[in-house]
Amino acid sequence: MFSIHNLSVHFTGEFIFDSISFLINARDKIGLTGKNGAGKTTLMRIICREMQPTEGTIAIPAHKTIGYLPQEKLITSTETVLNETLKAFEQVIAIENEMEQLNTALNTRKDYES
């Protein structure tokens, strides 16, 4: 569970958001919408620990990961969009490859003692 508690962000004399709190549970599907300047990007930067809030706390379990694609970024990669996107799944792909290797070994192994 992700917990955001009493989060406030203050820029240039005004609050972008003030004392917001919410929980994101394991099976929740979340969409973040709002008008320009509402603080969507700021909230994502805070959740991803790229930025500190003026006030409040964020609790994210240690075993959880966050995927975030910034709306603006200086692109230095020479990869295709597909290859760059697949980098987000490198851990999953590695696990799938390991499972395939183990399945192949189980099907072809003649040494049943080890």
PDB file of N, CA and C in Angstrom:
ATOM      1  N   MET A   1       0.838  -1.170   0.000  1.00  0.00           N
ATOM      2  CA  MET A   1       0.000   0.000   0.000  1.00  0.00           C
ATOM      3  C   MET A   1       0.893   1.247   0.000  1.00  0.00           C
ATOM      4  N   PHE A   2       0.571   2.186  -0.853  1.00  0.00           N
ATOM      5  CA  PHE A   2       1.257   3.477  -0.888  1.00  0.00           C
ATOM      6  C   PHE A   2       0.411   4.429  -0.048  1.00  0.00           C
ATOM      7  N   SER A   3       1.042   5.184   0.816  1.00  0.00           N
ATOM      8  CA  SER A   3       0.325   6.107   1.685  1.00  0.00           C
ATOM      9  C   SER A   3       0.880   7.522   1.512  1.00  0.00           C
ATOM     10  N   ILE A   4       0.003   8.436   1.189  1.00  0.00           N
ATOM     11  CA  ILE A   4       0.348   9.860   1.096  1.00  0.00           C
ATOM     12  C   ILE A   4      -0.437  10.549   2.204  1.00  0.00           C
ATOM     13  N   HIS A   5       0.264  11.260   3.086  1.00  0.00           N
ATOM     14  CA  HIS A   5      -0.412  11.826   4.253  1.00  0.00           C
ATOM     15  C   HIS A   5      -0.073  13.308   4.428  1.00  0.00           C
ATOM     16  N   ASN A   6      -1.108  14.146   4.406  1.00  0.00           N
ATOM     17  CA  ASN A   6      -0.980  15.596   4.625  1.00  0.00           C
ATOM     18  C   ASN A   6       0.077  16.249   3.747  1.00  0.00           C
ATOM     19  N   LEU A   7       0.085  15.887   2.477  1.00  0.00           N
ATOM     20  CA  LEU A   7       1.082  16.393   1.541  1.00  0.00           C
ATOM     21  C   LEU A   7       0.721  17.812   1.103  1.00  0.00           C
ATOM     22  N   SER A   8       1.694  18.690   1.192  1.00  0.00           N
ATOM     23  CA  SER A   8       1.525  20.077   0.751  1.00  0.00           C
ATOM     24  C   SER A   8       2.734  20.489  -0.066  1.00  0.00           C
ATOM     25  N   VAL A   9       2.486  21.250  -1.117  1.00  0.00           N
ATOM     26  CA  VAL A   9       3.563  21.806  -1.933  1.00  0.00           C
ATOM     27  C   VAL A   9       3.258  23.276  -2.145  1.00  0.00           C
ATOM     28  N   HIS A  10       4.250  24.088  -1.851  1.00  0.00           N
ATOM     29  CA  HIS A  10       4.113  25.538  -1.885  1.00  0.00           C
ATOM     30  C   HIS A  10       5.116  26.096  -2.882  1.00  0.00           C
ATOM     31  N   PHE A  11       4.625  26.806  -3.904  1.00  0.00           N
ATOM     32  CA  PHE A  11       5.488  27.457  -4.891  1.00  0.00           C
ATOM     33  C   PHE A  11       5.100  28.920  -5.006  1.00  0.00           C
ATOM     34  N   THR A  12       6.071  29.765  -5.077  1.00  0.00           N
ATOM     35  CA  THR A  12       5.892  31.207  -5.344  1.00  0.00           C
ATOM     36  C   THR A  12       4.697  31.819  -4.627  1.00  0.00           C
ATOM     37  N   GLY A  13       4.620  31.555  -3.314  1.00  0.00           N
ATOM     38  CA  GLY A  13       3.589  32.191  -2.512  1.00  0.00           C
ATOM     39  C   GLY A  13       2.232  31.512  -2.502  1.00  0.00           C
ATOM     40  N   GLU A  14       2.074  30.424  -3.238  1.00  0.00           N
ATOM     41  CA  GLU A  14       0.782  29.736  -3.263  1.00  0.00           C
ATOM     42  C   GLU A  14       0.975  28.231  -3.137  1.00  0.00           C
ATOM     43  N   PHE A  15      -0.057  27.580  -2.596  1.00  0.00           N
ATOM     44  CA  PHE A  15      -0.040  26.133  -2.520  1.00  0.00           C
ATOM     45  C   PHE A  15      -0.539  25.549  -3.834  1.00  0.00           C
ATOM     46  N   ILE A  16       0.221  24.590  -4.391  1.00  0.00           N
ATOM     47  CA  ILE A  16      -0.276  23.836  -5.540  1.00  0.00           C
ATOM     48  C   ILE A  16      -1.303  22.843  -5.029  1.00  0.00           C
ATOM     49  N   PHE A  17      -0.977  22.164  -3.924  1.00  0.00           N
ATOM     50  CA  PHE A  17      -1.958  21.391  -3.176  1.00  0.00           C
ATOM     51  C   PHE A  17      -1.609  21.493  -1.710  1.00  0.00           C
ATOM     52  N   ASP A  18      -2.633  21.363  -0.871  1.00  0.00           N
ATOM     53  CA  ASP A  18      -2.460  21.596   0.551  1.00  0.00           C
ATOM     54  C   ASP A  18      -3.132  20.483   1.358  1.00  0.00           C
ATOM     55  N   SER A  19      -2.336  19.778   2.143  1.00  0.00           N
ATOM     56  CA  SER A  19      -2.815  18.741   3.067  1.00  0.00           C
ATOM     57  C   SER A  19      -3.628  17.644   2.377  1.00  0.00           C
ATOM     58  N   ILE A  20      -3.131  17.116   1.250  1.00  0.00           N
ATOM     59  CA  ILE A  20      -3.841  16.015   0.605  1.00  0.00           C
ATOM     60  C   ILE A  20      -3.363  14.689   1.190  1.00  0.00           C
ATOM     61  N   SER A  21      -4.283  13.754   1.300  1.00  0.00           N
ATOM     62  CA  SER A  21      -3.982  12.427   1.821  1.00  0.00           C
ATOM     63  C   SER A  21      -4.745  11.400   1.003  1.00  0.00           C
ATOM     64  N   PHE A  22      -4.088  10.280   0.707  1.00  0.00           N
ATOM     65  CA  PHE A  22      -4.766   9.186   0.028  1.00  0.00           C
ATOM     66  C   PHE A  22      -3.937   7.922   0.150  1.00  0.00           C
ATOM     67  N   LEU A  23      -4.589   6.790  -0.114  1.00  0.00           N
ATOM     68  CA  LEU A  23      -3.941   5.490  -0.112  1.00  0.00           C
ATOM     69  C   LEU A  23      -4.091   4.868  -1.488  1.00  0.00           C
ATOM     70  N   ILE A  24      -3.087   4.139  -1.916  1.00  0.00           N
ATOM     71  CA  ILE A  24      -3.180   3.337  -3.136  1.00  0.00           C
ATOM     72  C   ILE A  24      -2.940   1.900  -2.710  1.00  0.00           C
ATOM     73  N   ASN A  25      -3.972   1.079  -2.838  1.00  0.00           N
ATOM     74  CA  ASN A  25      -3.887  -0.325  -2.443  1.00  0.00           C
ATOM     75  C   ASN A  25      -3.324  -1.176  -3.571  1.00  0.00           C
ATOM     76  N   ALA A  26      -2.955  -2.396  -3.251  1.00  0.00           N
ATOM     77  CA  ALA A  26      -2.239  -3.289  -4.171  1.00  0.00           C
ATOM     78  C   ALA A  26      -2.954  -3.480  -5.509  1.00  0.00           C
ATOM     79  N   ARG A  27      -4.249  -3.592  -5.543  1.00  0.00           N
ATOM     80  CA  ARG A  27      -4.960  -3.897  -6.785  1.00  0.00           C
ATOM     81  C   ARG A  27      -5.643  -2.673  -7.396  1.00  0.00           C
ATOM     82  N   ASP A  28      -5.358  -1.490  -6.882  1.00  0.00           N
ATOM     83  CA  ASP A  28      -5.962  -0.266  -7.403  1.00  0.00           C
ATOM     84  C   ASP A  28      -5.396   0.090  -8.768  1.00  0.00           C
ATOM     85  N   LYS A  29      -6.236   0.643  -9.607  1.00  0.00           N
ATOM     86  CA  LYS A  29      -5.834   1.213 -10.896  1.00  0.00           C
ATOM     87  C   LYS A  29      -6.092   2.716 -10.781  1.00  0.00           C
ATOM     88  N   ILE A  30      -5.062   3.506 -11.025  1.00  0.00           N
ATOM     89  CA  ILE A  30      -5.132   4.942 -10.779  1.00  0.00           C
ATOM     90  C   ILE A  30      -4.915   5.713 -12.074  1.00  0.00           C
ATOM     91  N   GLY A  31      -5.731   6.735 -12.275  1.00  0.00           N
ATOM     92  CA  GLY A  31      -5.524   7.679 -13.360  1.00  0.00           C
ATOM     93  C   GLY A  31      -5.377   9.067 -12.753  1.00  0.00           C
ATOM     94  N   LEU A  32      -4.410   9.806 -13.189  1.00  0.00           N
ATOM     95  CA  LEU A  32      -4.157  11.139 -12.648  1.00  0.00           C
ATOM     96  C   LEU A  32      -4.489  12.160 -13.726  1.00  0.00           C
ATOM     97  N   THR A  33      -5.540  12.918 -13.509  1.00  0.00           N
ATOM     98  CA  THR A  33      -5.973  13.911 -14.493  1.00  0.00           C
ATOM     99  C   THR A  33      -6.136  15.267 -13.812  1.00  0.00           C
ATOM    100  N   GLY A  34      -6.148  16.304 -14.624  1.00  0.00           N
ATOM    101  CA  GLY A  34      -6.359  17.651 -14.100  1.00  0.00           C
ATOM    102  C   GLY A  34      -5.901  18.686 -15.111  1.00  0.00           C
ATOM    103  N   LYS A  35      -6.304  19.904 -14.862  1.00  0.00           N
ATOM    104  CA  LYS A  35      -5.928  20.982 -15.778  1.00  0.00           C
ATOM    105  C   LYS A  35      -4.449  21.305 -15.652  1.00  0.00           C
ATOM    106  N   ASN A  36      -3.925  22.034 -16.621  1.00  0.00           N
ATOM    107  CA  ASN A  36      -2.527  22.457 -16.587  1.00  0.00           C
ATOM    108  C   ASN A  36      -2.270  23.272 -15.329  1.00  0.00           C
ATOM    109  N   GLY A  37      -1.158  22.968 -14.675  1.00  0.00           N
ATOM    110  CA  GLY A  37      -0.788  23.702 -13.472  1.00  0.00           C
ATOM    111  C   GLY A  37      -1.434  23.187 -12.200  1.00  0.00           C
ATOM    112  N   ALA A  38      -2.183  22.089 -12.291  1.00  0.00           N
ATOM    113  CA  ALA A  38      -2.872  21.559 -11.114  1.00  0.00           C
ATOM    114  C   ALA A  38      -1.928  20.824 -10.170  1.00  0.00           C
ATOM    115  N   GLY A  39      -0.748  20.414 -10.657  1.00  0.00           N
ATOM    116  CA  GLY A  39       0.225  19.753  -9.798  1.00  0.00           C
ATOM    117  C   GLY A  39       0.402  18.271 -10.072  1.00  0.00           C
ATOM    118  N   LYS A  40      -0.072  17.788 -11.214  1.00  0.00           N
ATOM    119  CA  LYS A  40       0.056  16.351 -11.545  1.00  0.00           C
ATOM    120  C   LYS A  40       1.520  15.934 -11.623  1.00  0.00           C
ATOM    121  N   THR A  41       2.304  16.665 -12.365  1.00  0.00           N
ATOM    122  CA  THR A  41       3.723  16.341 -12.515  1.00  0.00           C
ATOM    123  C   THR A  41       4.448  16.496 -11.183  1.00  0.00           C
ATOM    124  N   THR A  42       4.129  17.518 -10.441  1.00  0.00           N
ATOM    125  CA  THR A  42       4.744  17.739  -9.136  1.00  0.00           C
ATOM    126  C   THR A  42       4.447  16.571  -8.205  1.00  0.00           C
ATOM    127  N   LEU A  43       3.203  16.110  -8.190  1.00  0.00           N
ATOM    128  CA  LEU A  43       2.834  14.976  -7.343  1.00  0.00           C
ATOM    129  C   LEU A  43       3.617  13.728  -7.740  1.00  0.00           C
ATOM    130  N   MET A  44       3.731  13.469  -9.031  1.00  0.00           N
ATOM    131  CA  MET A  44       4.490  12.292  -9.485  1.00  0.00           C
ATOM    132  C   MET A  44       5.972  12.412  -9.119  1.00  0.00           C
ATOM    133  N   ARG A  45       6.532  13.600  -9.251  1.00  0.00           N
ATOM    134  CA  ARG A  45       7.941  13.795  -8.889  1.00  0.00           C
ATOM    135  C   ARG A  45       8.159  13.558  -7.397  1.00  0.00           C
ATOM    136  N   ILE A  46       7.201  13.955  -6.585  1.00  0.00           N
ATOM    137  CA  ILE A  46       7.320  13.737  -5.144  1.00  0.00           C
ATOM    138  C   ILE A  46       7.211  12.247  -4.826  1.00  0.00           C
ATOM    139  N   ILE A  47       6.243  11.561  -5.424  1.00  0.00           N
ATOM    140  CA  ILE A  47       6.065  10.128  -5.179  1.00  0.00           C
ATOM    141  C   ILE A  47       7.303   9.351  -5.614  1.00  0.00           C
ATOM    142  N   CYS A  48       7.928   9.782  -6.712  1.00  0.00           N
ATOM    143  CA  CYS A  48       9.140   9.106  -7.209  1.00  0.00           C
ATOM    144  C   CYS A  48      10.410   9.577  -6.515  1.00  0.00           C
ATOM    145  N   ARG A  49      10.259  10.435  -5.537  1.00  0.00           N
ATOM    146  CA  ARG A  49      11.377  10.956  -4.745  1.00  0.00           C
ATOM    147  C   ARG A  49      12.348  11.818  -5.549  1.00  0.00           C
ATOM    148  N   GLU A  50      11.851  12.424  -6.627  1.00  0.00           N
ATOM    149  CA  GLU A  50      12.666  13.364  -7.399  1.00  0.00           C
ATOM    150  C   GLU A  50      12.570  14.766  -6.811  1.00  0.00           C
ATOM    151  N   MET A  51      11.616  14.953  -5.909  1.00  0.00           N
ATOM    152  CA  MET A  51      11.336  16.272  -5.358  1.00  0.00           C
ATOM    153  C   MET A  51      10.800  16.075  -3.936  1.00  0.00           C
ATOM    154  N   GLN A  52      11.038  17.044  -3.066  1.00  0.00           N
ATOM    155  CA  GLN A  52      10.550  16.959  -1.690  1.00  0.00           C
ATOM    156  C   GLN A  52       9.315  17.848  -1.522  1.00  0.00           C
ATOM    157  N   PRO A  53       8.318  17.368  -0.783  1.00  0.00           N
ATOM    158  CA  PRO A  53       7.146  18.216  -0.515  1.00  0.00           C
ATOM    159  C   PRO A  53       7.485  19.290   0.511  1.00  0.00           C
ATOM    160  N   THR A  54       6.685  20.336   0.559  1.00  0.00           N
ATOM    161  CA  THR A  54       6.839  21.352   1.588  1.00  0.00           C
ATOM    162  C   THR A  54       6.518  20.744   2.945  1.00  0.00           C
ATOM    163  N   GLU A  55       5.445  19.936   2.982  1.00  0.00           N
ATOM    164  CA  GLU A  55       5.038  19.239   4.199  1.00  0.00           C
ATOM    165  C   GLU A  55       4.447  17.888   3.821  1.00  0.00           C
ATOM    166  N   GLY A  56       4.359  16.995   4.801  1.00  0.00           N
ATOM    167  CA  GLY A  56       3.696  15.714   4.596  1.00  0.00           C
ATOM    168  C   GLY A  56       4.662  14.564   4.474  1.00  0.00           C
ATOM    169  N   THR A  57       4.086  13.354   4.425  1.00  0.00           N
ATOM    170  CA  THR A  57       4.885  12.143   4.348  1.00  0.00           C
ATOM    171  C   THR A  57       4.371  11.217   3.256  1.00  0.00           C
ATOM    172  N   ILE A  58       5.295  10.428   2.729  1.00  0.00           N
ATOM    173  CA  ILE A  58       4.978   9.415   1.727  1.00  0.00           C
ATOM    174  C   ILE A  58       5.566   8.103   2.229  1.00  0.00           C
ATOM    175  N   ALA A  59       4.735   7.053   2.249  1.00  0.00           N
ATOM    176  CA  ALA A  59       5.208   5.734   2.663  1.00  0.00           C
ATOM    177  C   ALA A  59       4.999   4.763   1.513  1.00  0.00           C
ATOM    178  N   ILE A  60       6.095   4.230   1.000  1.00  0.00           N
ATOM    179  CA  ILE A  60       6.056   3.270  -0.106  1.00  0.00           C
ATOM    180  C   ILE A  60       6.790   2.019   0.358  1.00  0.00           C
ATOM    181  N   PRO A  61       6.140   0.846   0.299  1.00  0.00           N
ATOM    182  CA  PRO A  61       6.820  -0.388   0.732  1.00  0.00           C
ATOM    183  C   PRO A  61       8.131  -0.592  -0.024  1.00  0.00           C
ATOM    184  N   ALA A  62       9.123  -1.111   0.666  1.00  0.00           N
ATOM    185  CA  ALA A  62      10.466  -1.284   0.092  1.00  0.00           C
ATOM    186  C   ALA A  62      10.473  -2.203  -1.113  1.00  0.00           C
ATOM    187  N   HIS A  63       9.588  -3.180  -1.166  1.00  0.00           N
ATOM    188  CA  HIS A  63       9.589  -4.150  -2.265  1.00  0.00           C
ATOM    189  C   HIS A  63       8.782  -3.683  -3.475  1.00  0.00           C
ATOM    190  N   LYS A  64       8.245  -2.482  -3.439  1.00  0.00           N
ATOM    191  CA  LYS A  64       7.443  -1.959  -4.550  1.00  0.00           C
ATOM    192  C   LYS A  64       8.296  -1.053  -5.436  1.00  0.00           C
ATOM    193  N   THR A  65       7.957  -1.033  -6.721  1.00  0.00           N
ATOM    194  CA  THR A  65       8.624  -0.131  -7.658  1.00  0.00           C
ATOM    195  C   THR A  65       7.590   0.793  -8.278  1.00  0.00           C
ATOM    196  N   ILE A  66       8.059   1.920  -8.761  1.00  0.00           N
ATOM    197  CA  ILE A  66       7.185   2.897  -9.388  1.00  0.00           C
ATOM    198  C   ILE A  66       7.692   3.144 -10.795  1.00  0.00           C
ATOM    199  N   GLY A  67       6.791   3.081 -11.763  1.00  0.00           N
ATOM    200  CA  GLY A  67       7.126   3.434 -13.135  1.00  0.00           C
ATOM    201  C   GLY A  67       6.586   4.804 -13.446  1.00  0.00           C
ATOM    202  N   TYR A  68       7.407   5.657 -13.970  1.00  0.00           N
ATOM    203  CA  TYR A  68       7.005   7.037 -14.237  1.00  0.00           C
ATOM    204  C   TYR A  68       7.697   7.512 -15.497  1.00  0.00           C
ATOM    205  N   LEU A  69       6.926   7.959 -16.453  1.00  0.00           N
ATOM    206  CA  LEU A  69       7.467   8.493 -17.693  1.00  0.00           C
ATOM    207  C   LEU A  69       7.208   9.996 -17.714  1.00  0.00           C
ATOM    208  N   PRO A  70       8.239  10.801 -17.507  1.00  0.00           N
ATOM    209  CA  PRO A  70       8.053  12.257 -17.492  1.00  0.00           C
ATOM    210  C   PRO A  70       7.499  12.758 -18.824  1.00  0.00           C
ATOM    211  N   GLN A  71       6.703  13.809 -18.754  1.00  0.00           N
ATOM    212  CA  GLN A  71       6.114  14.338 -19.981  1.00  0.00           C
ATOM    213  C   GLN A  71       7.138  15.069 -20.838  1.00  0.00           C
ATOM    214  N   GLU A  72       8.192  15.561 -20.221  1.00  0.00           N
ATOM    215  CA  GLU A  72       9.255  16.225 -20.968  1.00  0.00           C
ATOM    216  C   GLU A  72      10.588  15.687 -20.480  1.00  0.00           C
ATOM    217  N   LYS A  73      11.419  15.309 -21.427  1.00  0.00           N
ATOM    218  CA  LYS A  73      12.721  14.764 -21.042  1.00  0.00           C
ATOM    219  C   LYS A  73      13.701  15.008 -22.176  1.00  0.00           C
ATOM    220  N   LEU A  74      14.918  15.296 -21.799  1.00  0.00           N
ATOM    221  CA  LEU A  74      15.989  15.412 -22.773  1.00  0.00           C
ATOM    222  C   LEU A  74      16.364  14.003 -23.193  1.00  0.00           C
ATOM    223  N   ILE A  75      16.175  13.689 -24.453  1.00  0.00           N
ATOM    224  CA  ILE A  75      16.407  12.339 -24.945  1.00  0.00           C
ATOM    225  C   ILE A  75      17.827  12.223 -25.467  1.00  0.00           C
ATOM    226  N   THR A  76      18.559  11.300 -24.870  1.00  0.00           N
ATOM    227  CA  THR A  76      19.929  11.049 -25.307  1.00  0.00           C
ATOM    228  C   THR A  76      20.085   9.637 -25.849  1.00  0.00           C
ATOM    229  N   SER A  77      19.038   8.840 -25.721  1.00  0.00           N
ATOM    230  CA  SER A  77      19.094   7.455 -26.167  1.00  0.00           C
ATOM    231  C   SER A  77      19.016   7.373 -27.687  1.00  0.00           C
ATOM    232  N   THR A  78      19.696   6.389 -28.233  1.00  0.00           N
ATOM    233  CA  THR A  78      19.610   6.129 -29.670  1.00  0.00           C
ATOM    234  C   THR A  78      18.739   4.906 -29.947  1.00  0.00           C
ATOM    235  N   GLU A  79      18.115   4.361 -28.882  1.00  0.00           N
ATOM    236  CA  GLU A  79      17.242   3.197 -29.015  1.00  0.00           C
ATOM    237  C   GLU A  79      15.928   3.588 -29.699  1.00  0.00           C
ATOM    238  N   THR A  80      15.274   2.576 -30.276  1.00  0.00           N
ATOM    239  CA  THR A  80      13.929   2.813 -30.811  1.00  0.00           C
ATOM    240  C   THR A  80      12.981   2.995 -29.635  1.00  0.00           C
ATOM    241  N   VAL A  81      11.807   3.536 -29.900  1.00  0.00           N
ATOM    242  CA  VAL A  81      10.816   3.727 -28.847  1.00  0.00           C
ATOM    243  C   VAL A  81      10.467   2.372 -28.214  1.00  0.00           C
ATOM    244  N   LEU A  82      10.293   1.334 -29.036  1.00  0.00           N
ATOM    245  CA  LEU A  82       9.965   0.011 -28.521  1.00  0.00           C
ATOM    246  C   LEU A  82      11.065  -0.514 -27.600  1.00  0.00           C
ATOM    247  N   ASN A  83      12.316  -0.455 -28.036  1.00  0.00           N
ATOM    248  CA  ASN A  83      13.423  -0.952 -27.210  1.00  0.00           C
ATOM    249  C   ASN A  83      13.573  -0.149 -25.924  1.00  0.00           C
ATOM    250  N   GLU A  84      13.376   1.135 -25.997  1.00  0.00           N
ATOM    251  CA  GLU A  84      13.463   1.974 -24.808  1.00  0.00           C
ATOM    252  C   GLU A  84      12.344   1.619 -23.830  1.00  0.00           C
ATOM    253  N   THR A  85      11.152   1.380 -24.343  1.00  0.00           N
ATOM    254  CA  THR A  85      10.015   1.009 -23.503  1.00  0.00           C
ATOM    255  C   THR A  85      10.236  -0.350 -22.855  1.00  0.00           C
ATOM    256  N   LEU A  86      10.803  -1.288 -23.600  1.00  0.00           N
ATOM    257  CA  LEU A  86      11.049  -2.630 -23.069  1.00  0.00           C
ATOM    258  C   LEU A  86      12.037  -2.624 -21.901  1.00  0.00           C
ATOM    259  N   LYS A  87      12.844  -1.585 -21.781  1.00  0.00           N
ATOM    260  CA  LYS A  87      13.780  -1.494 -20.658  1.00  0.00           C
ATOM    261  C   LYS A  87      13.048  -1.484 -19.322  1.00  0.00           C
ATOM    262  N   ALA A  88      11.815  -1.017 -19.312  1.00  0.00           N
ATOM    263  CA  ALA A  88      11.029  -1.004 -18.076  1.00  0.00           C
ATOM    264  C   ALA A  88      10.693  -2.413 -17.622  1.00  0.00           C
ATOM    265  N   PHE A  89      10.778  -3.387 -18.537  1.00  0.00           N
ATOM    266  CA  PHE A  89      10.417  -4.768 -18.226  1.00  0.00           C
ATOM    267  C   PHE A  89      11.627  -5.697 -18.194  1.00  0.00           C
ATOM    268  N   GLU A  90      12.828  -5.144 -18.067  1.00  0.00           N
ATOM    269  CA  GLU A  90      14.038  -5.966 -18.093  1.00  0.00           C
ATOM    270  C   GLU A  90      14.018  -7.057 -17.029  1.00  0.00           C
ATOM    271  N   GLN A  91      13.563  -6.745 -15.827  1.00  0.00           N
ATOM    272  CA  GLN A  91      13.533  -7.732 -14.744  1.00  0.00           C
ATOM    273  C   GLN A  91      12.547  -8.851 -15.071  1.00  0.00           C
ATOM    274  N   VAL A  92      11.379  -8.507 -15.583  1.00  0.00           N
ATOM    275  CA  VAL A  92      10.374  -9.511 -15.946  1.00  0.00           C
ATOM    276  C   VAL A  92      10.881 -10.389 -17.084  1.00  0.00           C
ATOM    277  N   ILE A  93      11.489  -9.780 -18.082  1.00  0.00           N
ATOM    278  CA  ILE A  93      12.021 -10.530 -19.219  1.00  0.00           C
ATOM    279  C   ILE A  93      13.134 -11.479 -18.761  1.00  0.00           C
ATOM    280  N   ALA A  94      13.979 -11.028 -17.846  1.00  0.00           N
ATOM    281  CA  ALA A  94      15.048 -11.886 -17.325  1.00  0.00           C
ATOM    282  C   ALA A  94      14.464 -13.091 -16.593  1.00  0.00           C
ATOM    283  N   ILE A  95      13.414 -12.880 -15.815  1.00  0.00           N
ATOM    284  CA  ILE A  95      12.761 -13.980 -15.101  1.00  0.00           C
ATOM    285  C   ILE A  95      12.126 -14.954 -16.096  1.00  0.00           C
ATOM    286  N   GLU A  96      11.468 -14.424 -17.130  1.00  0.00           N
ATOM    287  CA  GLU A  96      10.872 -15.290 -18.155  1.00  0.00           C
ATOM    288  C   GLU A  96      11.941 -16.116 -18.865  1.00  0.00           C
ATOM    289  N   ASN A  97      13.080 -15.503 -19.178  1.00  0.00           N
ATOM    290  CA  ASN A  97      14.184 -16.234 -19.826  1.00  0.00           C
ATOM    291  C   ASN A  97      14.723 -17.339 -18.921  1.00  0.00           C
ATOM    292  N   GLU A  98      14.871 -17.045 -17.634  1.00  0.00           N
ATOM    293  CA  GLU A  98      15.348 -18.046 -16.691  1.00  0.00           C
ATOM    294  C   GLU A  98      14.349 -19.210 -16.585  1.00  0.00           C
ATOM    295  N   MET A  99      13.063 -18.891 -16.560  1.00  0.00           N
ATOM    296  CA  MET A  99      12.045 -19.944 -16.512  1.00  0.00           C
ATOM    297  C   MET A  99      12.116 -20.828 -17.751  1.00  0.00           C
ATOM    298  N   GLU A 100      12.321 -20.225 -18.914  1.00  0.00           N
ATOM    299  CA  GLU A 100      12.430 -20.988 -20.156  1.00  0.00           C
ATOM    300  C   GLU A 100      13.649 -21.909 -20.129  1.00  0.00           C
ATOM    301  N   GLN A 101      14.771 -21.406 -19.633  1.00  0.00           N
ATOM    302  CA  GLN A 101      15.979 -22.227 -19.526  1.00  0.00           C
ATOM    303  C   GLN A 101      15.770 -23.395 -18.569  1.00  0.00           C
ATOM    304  N   LEU A 102      15.109 -23.151 -17.447  1.00  0.00           N
ATOM    305  CA  LEU A 102      14.833 -24.222 -16.492  1.00  0.00           C
ATOM    306  C   LEU A 102      13.887 -25.261 -17.078  1.00  0.00           C
ATOM    307  N   ASN A 103      12.859 -24.811 -17.800  1.00  0.00           N
ATOM    308  CA  ASN A 103      11.938 -25.745 -18.451  1.00  0.00           C
ATOM    309  C   ASN A 103      12.657 -26.603 -19.486  1.00  0.00           C
ATOM    310  N   THR A 104      13.528 -25.987 -20.258  1.00  0.00           N
ATOM    311  CA  THR A 104      14.303 -26.736 -21.253  1.00  0.00           C
ATOM    312  C   THR A 104      15.199 -27.762 -20.562  1.00  0.00           C
ATOM    313  N   ALA A 105      15.854 -27.359 -19.491  1.00  0.00           N
ATOM    314  CA  ALA A 105      16.726 -28.276 -18.752  1.00  0.00           C
ATOM    315  C   ALA A 105      15.924 -29.443 -18.181  1.00  0.00           C
ATOM    316  N   LEU A 106      14.744 -29.179 -17.666  1.00  0.00           N
ATOM    317  CA  LEU A 106      13.905 -30.250 -17.114  1.00  0.00           C
ATOM    318  C   LEU A 106      13.467 -31.233 -18.199  1.00  0.00           C
ATOM    319  N   ASN A 107      13.211 -30.724 -19.391  1.00  0.00           N
ATOM    320  CA  ASN A 107      12.749 -31.579 -20.488  1.00  0.00           C
ATOM    321  C   ASN A 107      13.868 -32.364 -21.165  1.00  0.00           C
ATOM    322  N   THR A 108      15.091 -31.876 -21.096  1.00  0.00           N
ATOM    323  CA  THR A 108      16.190 -32.513 -21.843  1.00  0.00           C
ATOM    324  C   THR A 108      17.186 -33.244 -20.941  1.00  0.00           C
ATOM    325  N   ARG A 109      17.143 -33.018 -19.666  1.00  0.00           N
ATOM    326  CA  ARG A 109      18.114 -33.609 -18.741  1.00  0.00           C
ATOM    327  C   ARG A 109      17.947 -35.122 -18.660  1.00  0.00           C
ATOM    328  N   LYS A 110      19.063 -35.803 -18.674  1.00  0.00           N
ATOM    329  CA  LYS A 110      19.085 -37.260 -18.538  1.00  0.00           C
ATOM    330  C   LYS A 110      19.577 -37.668 -17.152  1.00  0.00           C
ATOM    331  N   ASP A 111      20.212 -36.750 -16.458  1.00  0.00           N
ATOM    332  CA  ASP A 111      20.730 -36.988 -15.113  1.00  0.00           C
ATOM    333  C   ASP A 111      19.622 -36.686 -14.114  1.00  0.00           C
ATOM    334  N   TYR A 112      18.943 -37.707 -13.655  1.00  0.00           N
ATOM    335  CA  TYR A 112      17.796 -37.507 -12.755  1.00  0.00           C
ATOM    336  C   TYR A 112      18.190 -37.505 -11.290  1.00  0.00           C
ATOM    337  N   GLU A 113      19.454 -37.733 -10.994  1.00  0.00           N
ATOM    338  CA  GLU A 113      19.906 -37.788  -9.609  1.00  0.00           C
ATOM    339  C   GLU A 113      20.244 -36.413  -9.035  1.00  0.00           C
ATOM    340  N   SER A 114      20.647 -35.482  -9.884  1.00  0.00           N
ATOM    341  CA  SER A 114      21.077 -34.173  -9.365  1.00  0.00           C
ATOM    342  C   SER A 114      19.926 -33.200  -9.261  1.00  0.00           C
TER     343      SER A 114
END
